[in-house]
Amino acid sequence: MKYYLIAGEASGDLHGANLMKALKKEDAEADFRFWGGDLMKAAGGTEVKHYRDLAFMGFAEVVMNLGTILRNIKFCKKDIEIFNPDVIIFIDYPGFNFQIMKWAKKKGYKNHFYISPQIWAWKEGRIKDIKRDVDEMYVILPFEKDFYENKHNFPVHFVGHPLIDAIYDRRQVDPATFKKENGLDERPIVALLPGSRKQEIKKMLEIMISVAKNFSEYQFVIAGAPSQEKSFYETFTSTKNAYFVSNKTYDLLSISDAALVTSGTATLETALFKVPQVVCYKGSRISYEIAKRVIKLDYISLVNLILNKETVTELIQTEFNTNRLKEELTKILEPYKRATIFLDYYELEQTLGGRGASEKTAKLIYSEIRGN
């Protein structure tokens, strides 16, 4: 079978790669063509475009890059027609993917959506597009099944969260060896996860790094994104007590005592590694003001959303500053607070529903396109 996958972010690249591996177990003749990243490329198949060329953060940024986005959409449609896949698998990334899936439905392609866009947070009206254009939807958060089926009468498959597999299947690292190999000393680590896009990283790291001087008994280590060159981070690593590792986020988290994390999938990854964290977010003022008016949620981090309570502190926009960050980091380094967070993290993992998300999804996709 021929599979065309579209992922537009680092998290989509990870989940897309694991899904591709699982599909190969179901379909030995699987032929993949994809928009994704290095992990999907390593899984096999032909890369069309890397997600680093697709990711634009925020409302204002999207408008500024509209010409590029429209050219990519046009190119994608033409590329799909040439490849003529048995199924198109859309992995989150709704702004781009919704444009393609509407066209693809009219062309008669099978549209499968893996990892639902967060329409429960904003743009709930997109449910009309999903009902019209999506043949099968695979959701990874427990409350999404209720949202789709009970609120909107649209059947979906809850397959569990693929991050659980990605984390459990990784190799274990020795803390002393990791520190030595990466030029770190013996002090405990506070991991900094500033995101994967340049503009996002610049906004986040400046403030994250600013508290390093106040915690000399810890070393602050930046988790470099695979989509960015090491040279990009040099401005930040020149700060005293700031260090850097590239493309080793999971290894870093596995030996960290605490983390400062940009809101997104990384908050969930950090929780599954059982690392106490402070969740941070700061966008452009225009993007933030628009988002504040259209997003109707009590929390922005997946950890708090899934548990429906404030397990991790969220510092958003003006609250995300050096003084507040110092205050909250101090709290999560205290034994009592850490114990409370650990208990909530275990509850979170139980709620997400165990291992095997990629395999479950692959079996469902292959069965459906074969007509079983």
Protein backbone atom coordinates (compact mmCIF):
# COMPACT_ATOMS: atom_id res chain seq x y z
CA MET A 1 0.00 0.00 0.00
CA LYS A 2 1.05 3.61 -0.58
CA TYR A 3 0.90 5.99 2.38
CA TYR A 4 1.20 9.78 2.22
CA LEU A 5 1.83 11.36 5.64
CA ILE A 6 1.85 15.06 6.55
CA ALA A 7 3.42 16.24 9.84
CA GLY A 8 4.41 19.86 10.38
CA GLU A 9 6.15 19.87 13.76
CA ALA A 10 8.77 18.00 15.81
CA SER A 11 6.13 16.10 17.80
CA GLY A 12 4.40 15.06 14.58
CA ASP A 13 7.73 13.82 13.24
CA LEU A 14 8.16 11.61 16.31
CA HIS A 15 4.66 10.16 16.19
CA GLY A 16 4.75 9.83 12.41
CA ALA A 17 8.00 7.86 12.59
CA ASN A 18 6.61 5.43 15.17
CA LEU A 19 3.44 4.99 13.14
CA MET A 20 5.47 4.25 10.01
CA LYS A 21 7.44 1.58 11.87
CA ALA A 22 4.20 0.02 13.10
CA LEU A 23 2.67 0.12 9.60
CA LYS A 24 5.68 -1.76 8.23
CA LYS A 25 4.86 -4.61 10.62
CA GLU A 26 1.32 -4.74 9.22
CA ASP A 27 2.25 -4.12 5.60
CA ALA A 28 5.65 -5.39 4.44
CA GLU A 29 5.17 -3.59 1.10
CA ALA A 30 4.39 -0.20 2.67
CA ASP A 31 5.57 2.70 0.49
CA PHE A 32 5.83 6.01 2.36
CA ARG A 33 6.01 9.56 1.06
CA PHE A 34 5.88 12.27 3.70
CA TRP A 35 6.20 15.80 4.97
CA GLY A 36 8.04 15.48 8.30
CA GLY A 37 11.51 15.39 9.75
CA ASP A 38 14.62 13.41 10.54
CA LEU A 39 12.86 10.70 12.54
CA MET A 40 10.39 9.95 9.75
CA LYS A 41 13.25 9.94 7.26
CA ALA A 42 15.09 7.38 9.40
CA ALA A 43 11.95 5.22 9.45
CA GLY A 44 12.11 4.95 5.64
CA GLY A 45 10.34 6.40 2.63
CA THR A 46 10.70 9.62 0.67
CA GLU A 47 10.77 13.02 2.35
CA VAL A 48 9.00 15.78 0.42
CA LYS A 49 9.62 18.70 2.81
CA HIS A 50 11.10 19.07 6.28
CA TYR A 51 8.89 20.53 9.01
CA ARG A 52 11.48 23.24 9.71
CA ASP A 53 10.34 24.85 6.44
CA LEU A 54 6.68 24.73 7.43
CA ALA A 55 6.40 25.85 11.05
CA PHE A 56 5.11 29.36 11.67
CA MET A 57 4.04 30.22 15.21
CA GLY A 58 1.12 32.50 16.07
CA PHE A 59 -1.49 34.48 14.16
CA ALA A 60 0.74 37.36 13.11
CA GLU A 61 3.53 35.05 11.94
CA VAL A 62 1.14 33.04 9.76
CA VAL A 63 -0.10 36.21 8.04
CA MET A 64 3.48 37.34 7.39
CA ASN A 65 4.34 34.02 5.74
CA LEU A 66 1.06 33.49 3.90
CA GLY A 67 2.69 33.42 0.45
CA THR A 68 5.01 30.58 1.44
CA ILE A 69 2.15 28.63 3.01
CA LEU A 70 -0.01 28.94 -0.11
CA ARG A 71 2.85 27.78 -2.35
CA ASN A 72 3.38 24.77 -0.10
CA ILE A 73 -0.31 23.88 -0.26
CA LYS A 74 -0.30 24.03 -4.06
CA PHE A 75 2.85 21.93 -4.25
CA CYS A 76 1.47 19.36 -1.80
CA LYS A 77 -1.68 18.81 -3.85
CA LYS A 78 0.31 18.23 -7.02
CA ASP A 79 2.69 15.87 -5.21
CA ILE A 80 -0.21 13.80 -3.85
CA GLU A 81 -1.70 13.43 -7.31
CA ILE A 82 1.59 12.19 -8.72
CA PHE A 83 2.11 9.68 -5.88
CA ASN A 84 -1.58 8.62 -5.84
CA PRO A 85 -1.62 7.10 -2.32
CA ASP A 86 -4.06 4.52 -0.96
CA VAL A 87 -4.49 6.72 2.11
CA ILE A 88 -3.42 10.17 3.32
CA ILE A 89 -2.52 10.30 7.02
CA PHE A 90 -2.73 13.79 8.51
CA ILE A 91 -0.80 14.20 11.78
CA ASP A 92 -2.15 17.17 13.75
CA TYR A 93 -0.94 20.46 12.08
CA PRO A 94 -4.51 21.61 11.30
CA GLY A 95 -3.93 24.93 9.51
CA PHE A 96 -2.16 23.24 6.62
CA ASN A 97 -3.77 19.81 6.83
CA PHE A 98 -7.35 21.08 6.75
CA GLN A 99 -6.65 22.75 3.42
CA ILE A 100 -5.25 19.55 1.96
CA MET A 101 -7.90 17.20 3.36
CA LYS A 102 -10.77 19.27 1.93
CA TRP A 103 -9.23 19.05 -1.53
CA ALA A 104 -8.30 15.38 -1.07
CA LYS A 105 -11.85 14.40 -0.10
CA LYS A 106 -13.20 15.94 -3.29
CA LYS A 107 -10.55 14.04 -5.25
CA GLY A 108 -11.68 10.76 -3.71
CA TYR A 109 -8.68 10.01 -1.48
CA LYS A 110 -9.08 8.30 1.89
CA ASN A 111 -8.39 10.79 4.69
CA HIS A 112 -7.20 9.46 8.05
CA PHE A 113 -6.37 11.93 10.83
CA TYR A 114 -3.93 10.78 13.53
CA ILE A 115 -3.75 13.01 16.61
CA SER A 116 -6.74 15.29 16.60
CA PRO A 117 -6.29 19.03 16.19
CA GLN A 118 -7.21 20.79 19.41
CA ILE A 119 -10.61 22.00 18.29
CA TRP A 120 -11.82 21.47 21.85
CA ALA A 121 -9.61 24.44 22.75
CA TRP A 122 -10.53 26.80 19.94
CA LYS A 123 -12.14 26.81 16.51
CA GLU A 124 -14.69 24.21 17.56
CA GLY A 125 -16.55 25.06 14.36
CA ARG A 126 -13.96 22.99 12.52
CA ILE A 127 -15.95 19.93 13.54
CA LYS A 128 -17.99 20.55 10.37
CA ASP A 129 -14.87 20.16 8.24
CA ILE A 130 -13.84 17.02 10.11
CA LYS A 131 -17.26 15.41 9.70
CA ARG A 132 -17.25 16.24 5.99
CA ASP A 133 -13.64 15.43 5.10
CA VAL A 134 -12.21 12.87 7.57
CA ASP A 135 -12.90 9.17 7.04
CA GLU A 136 -11.22 7.95 10.25
CA MET A 137 -10.03 9.91 13.29
CA TYR A 138 -7.54 8.54 15.85
CA VAL A 139 -7.44 10.48 19.13
CA ILE A 140 -4.77 10.23 21.83
CA LEU A 141 -6.31 12.10 24.77
CA PRO A 142 -9.10 10.44 26.79
CA PHE A 143 -11.41 13.45 26.91
CA GLU A 144 -11.30 13.80 23.11
CA LYS A 145 -13.38 10.66 22.57
CA ASP A 146 -16.17 12.10 24.71
CA PHE A 147 -15.85 15.46 22.94
CA TYR A 148 -16.27 13.96 19.48
CA GLU A 149 -18.78 11.19 20.13
CA ASN A 150 -21.03 12.60 22.85
CA LYS A 151 -20.91 16.29 22.00
CA HIS A 152 -20.63 16.10 18.20
CA ASN A 153 -21.90 12.61 17.28
CA PHE A 154 -18.74 11.76 15.33
CA PRO A 155 -17.21 8.32 16.02
CA VAL A 156 -13.45 8.22 16.68
CA HIS A 157 -10.84 5.71 17.83
CA PHE A 158 -9.12 6.35 21.17
CA VAL A 159 -5.73 4.67 20.73
CA GLY A 160 -3.82 5.96 23.78
CA HIS A 161 -0.89 8.35 23.75
CA PRO A 162 2.13 7.43 21.58
CA LEU A 163 4.51 9.30 23.88
CA ILE A 164 4.22 6.48 26.40
CA ASP A 165 5.74 4.05 23.90
CA ALA A 166 8.36 6.53 22.71
CA ILE A 167 9.55 7.02 26.28
CA TYR A 168 9.42 3.41 27.44
CA ASP A 169 11.16 2.09 24.32
CA ARG A 170 14.16 4.41 24.57
CA ARG A 171 17.54 3.22 25.80
CA GLN A 172 18.49 4.05 29.36
CA VAL A 173 21.44 6.37 29.95
CA ASP A 174 23.94 6.49 32.77
CA PRO A 175 23.86 9.97 34.37
CA ALA A 176 27.61 10.17 35.00
CA THR A 177 28.45 9.04 31.47
CA PHE A 178 25.95 11.44 29.91
CA LYS A 179 27.33 14.38 31.87
CA LYS A 180 30.92 13.55 30.99
CA GLU A 181 30.21 13.04 27.28
CA ASN A 182 28.36 16.34 27.04
CA GLY A 183 30.80 18.55 28.95
CA LEU A 184 28.65 18.84 32.07
CA ASP A 185 29.78 18.72 35.69
CA GLU A 186 28.43 16.60 38.57
CA ARG A 187 25.78 19.05 39.78
CA PRO A 188 22.06 18.16 39.40
CA ILE A 189 20.40 19.43 36.23
CA VAL A 190 17.60 21.86 35.49
CA ALA A 191 16.57 21.17 31.89
CA LEU A 192 15.46 24.04 29.63
CA LEU A 193 13.03 23.09 26.86
CA PRO A 194 12.41 26.31 24.90
CA GLY A 195 10.62 24.81 21.86
CA SER A 196 11.66 24.01 18.31
CA ARG A 197 11.05 27.19 16.28
CA LYS A 198 13.59 30.01 16.14
CA GLN A 199 11.23 32.80 17.11
CA GLU A 200 9.81 30.72 19.96
CA ILE A 201 13.25 29.74 21.27
CA LYS A 202 14.48 33.34 21.30
CA LYS A 203 11.48 34.52 23.33
CA MET A 204 11.66 31.71 25.85
CA LEU A 205 15.37 31.18 26.45
CA GLU A 206 16.20 34.76 27.35
CA ILE A 207 13.98 34.56 30.42
CA MET A 208 14.68 30.89 31.25
CA ILE A 209 18.43 31.54 31.31
CA SER A 210 18.01 34.64 33.47
CA VAL A 211 17.40 32.58 36.63
CA ALA A 212 20.52 30.40 36.25
CA LYS A 213 22.67 32.75 38.34
CA ASN A 214 20.31 32.29 41.30
CA PHE A 215 20.72 28.50 41.46
CA SER A 216 24.48 27.91 41.44
CA GLU A 217 24.08 24.46 43.00
CA TYR A 218 22.38 23.35 39.74
CA GLN A 219 23.51 23.44 36.12
CA PHE A 220 21.04 24.68 33.51
CA VAL A 221 21.10 22.64 30.32
CA ILE A 222 19.35 23.68 27.09
CA ALA A 223 17.73 20.90 25.09
CA GLY A 224 18.65 21.85 21.53
CA ALA A 225 16.01 21.12 18.90
CA PRO A 226 17.05 18.82 16.03
CA SER A 227 15.74 21.39 13.54
CA GLN A 228 18.19 24.10 14.70
CA GLU A 229 21.95 24.46 14.29
CA LYS A 230 24.16 24.51 17.38
CA SER A 231 25.44 27.96 16.40
CA PHE A 232 21.94 29.38 16.89
CA TYR A 233 22.18 28.68 20.65
CA GLU A 234 25.61 30.21 21.20
CA THR A 235 24.18 33.55 22.34
CA PHE A 236 22.47 31.79 25.22
CA THR A 237 25.25 29.38 26.20
CA SER A 238 27.61 32.31 26.74
CA THR A 239 25.66 32.99 29.95
CA LYS A 240 27.30 31.72 33.13
CA ASN A 241 25.92 28.37 34.34
CA ALA A 242 24.19 27.63 30.98
CA TYR A 243 25.06 24.53 28.96
CA PHE A 244 23.79 22.87 25.81
CA VAL A 245 23.06 19.42 24.39
CA SER A 246 21.70 18.86 20.90
CA ASN A 247 18.94 16.44 19.95
CA LYS A 248 19.11 14.56 23.27
CA THR A 249 15.97 15.81 24.99
CA TYR A 250 14.80 12.44 26.31
CA ASP A 251 18.24 11.52 27.64
CA LEU A 252 18.45 14.92 29.30
CA LEU A 253 15.01 14.66 30.90
CA SER A 254 15.74 11.18 32.19
CA ILE A 255 18.50 12.56 34.45
CA SER A 256 17.08 16.01 35.31
CA ASP A 257 15.83 17.17 38.69
CA ALA A 258 13.55 19.89 37.29
CA ALA A 259 12.63 21.56 34.01
CA LEU A 260 11.44 24.86 32.57
CA VAL A 261 9.27 23.97 29.62
CA THR A 262 7.59 25.87 26.81
CA SER A 263 3.90 24.99 26.58
CA GLY A 264 3.20 22.20 24.12
CA THR A 265 3.83 18.47 23.80
CA ALA A 266 7.06 18.87 25.80
CA THR A 267 5.04 19.46 28.98
CA LEU A 268 3.56 15.99 28.65
CA GLU A 269 6.93 14.43 27.80
CA THR A 270 8.44 16.03 30.89
CA ALA A 271 5.63 14.70 33.07
CA LEU A 272 6.01 11.16 31.72
CA PHE A 273 9.69 11.32 32.70
CA LYS A 274 8.46 12.29 36.18
CA VAL A 275 10.35 15.61 36.17
CA PRO A 276 8.80 18.51 38.15
CA GLN A 277 8.35 21.47 35.81
CA VAL A 278 7.27 25.05 35.36
CA VAL A 279 5.32 25.59 32.13
CA CYS A 280 6.13 28.81 30.28
CA TYR A 281 4.65 30.65 27.33
CA LYS A 282 5.21 34.05 25.76
CA GLY A 283 4.11 34.99 22.24
CA SER A 284 3.96 38.22 20.29
CA ARG A 285 1.52 40.69 21.82
CA ILE A 286 -0.81 40.56 18.81
CA SER A 287 -0.90 36.76 18.78
CA TYR A 288 -1.46 36.62 22.54
CA GLU A 289 -4.29 39.15 22.53
CA ILE A 290 -6.07 37.26 19.76
CA ALA A 291 -5.52 33.88 21.45
CA LYS A 292 -6.83 35.18 24.77
CA ARG A 293 -10.13 36.05 23.12
CA VAL A 294 -10.68 32.82 21.22
CA ILE A 295 -9.24 30.09 23.46
CA LYS A 296 -11.63 29.16 26.26
CA LEU A 297 -9.63 26.83 28.50
CA ASP A 298 -8.67 26.93 32.16
CA TYR A 299 -5.14 25.71 31.39
CA ILE A 300 -2.65 25.71 28.52
CA SER A 301 -0.51 22.69 29.45
CA LEU A 302 -1.57 19.18 28.51
CA VAL A 303 -0.71 17.95 32.00
CA ASN A 304 -3.25 20.23 33.66
CA LEU A 305 -5.83 19.80 30.91
CA ILE A 306 -5.81 16.00 31.14
CA LEU A 307 -5.93 15.96 34.95
CA ASN A 308 -8.32 18.93 35.04
CA LYS A 309 -6.38 20.57 37.87
CA GLU A 310 -3.27 22.70 38.35
CA THR A 311 -0.58 20.09 38.84
CA VAL A 312 2.12 22.25 37.22
CA THR A 313 2.38 26.03 37.43
CA GLU A 314 1.81 27.92 34.18
CA LEU A 315 3.52 31.27 33.65
CA ILE A 316 1.91 32.99 30.68
CA GLN A 317 2.93 36.22 28.91
CA THR A 318 3.61 38.93 31.54
CA GLU A 319 3.64 36.34 34.34
CA PHE A 320 6.57 34.70 32.57
CA ASN A 321 9.36 36.86 34.01
CA THR A 322 12.57 36.32 35.96
CA ASN A 323 11.11 36.94 39.43
CA ARG A 324 8.11 34.64 39.01
CA LEU A 325 10.20 31.96 37.36
CA LYS A 326 12.73 32.05 40.19
CA GLU A 327 9.90 31.75 42.72
CA GLU A 328 8.25 28.77 41.01
CA LEU A 329 11.52 26.93 40.33
CA THR A 330 12.39 27.23 44.01
CA LYS A 331 9.07 25.57 44.89
CA ILE A 332 9.47 22.55 42.61
CA LEU A 333 12.95 21.89 44.01
CA GLU A 334 11.46 21.48 47.51
CA PRO A 335 10.78 17.85 48.63
CA TYR A 336 7.13 18.30 49.65
CA LYS A 337 6.08 19.97 46.39
CA ARG A 338 7.97 17.36 44.37
CA ALA A 339 6.18 14.50 46.14
CA THR A 340 2.78 16.03 45.29
CA ILE A 341 3.75 16.44 41.64
CA PHE A 342 5.01 12.84 41.41
CA LEU A 343 1.66 11.48 42.64
CA ASP A 344 -0.19 13.53 40.04
CA TYR A 345 2.19 12.35 37.30
CA TYR A 346 1.41 8.72 38.08
CA GLU A 347 -2.30 9.49 37.88
CA LEU A 348 -1.69 11.18 34.52
CA GLU A 349 0.01 8.12 33.05
CA GLN A 350 -2.87 5.86 34.16
CA THR A 351 -5.37 8.22 32.53
CA LEU A 352 -3.52 8.17 29.21
CA GLY A 353 -4.16 4.47 28.88
CA GLY A 354 -1.04 2.36 28.58
CA ARG A 355 1.23 1.34 25.75
CA GLY A 356 0.69 0.41 22.10
CA ALA A 357 -0.81 3.55 20.49
CA SER A 358 1.21 3.33 17.28
CA GLU A 359 0.49 -0.39 16.84
CA LYS A 360 -3.24 0.05 17.51
CA THR A 361 -3.44 2.89 14.98
CA ALA A 362 -1.45 1.01 12.34
CA LYS A 363 -3.72 -2.04 12.62
CA LEU A 364 -6.82 0.13 12.28
CA ILE A 365 -5.46 2.04 9.27
CA TYR A 366 -4.28 -1.07 7.42
CA SER A 367 -7.51 -2.94 8.13
CA GLU A 368 -9.63 -0.05 6.88
CA ILE A 369 -7.79 0.59 3.62
CA ARG A 370 -7.81 -3.14 2.84
CA GLY A 371 -11.56 -3.11 3.35
CA ASN A 372 -11.54 -5.62 6.24
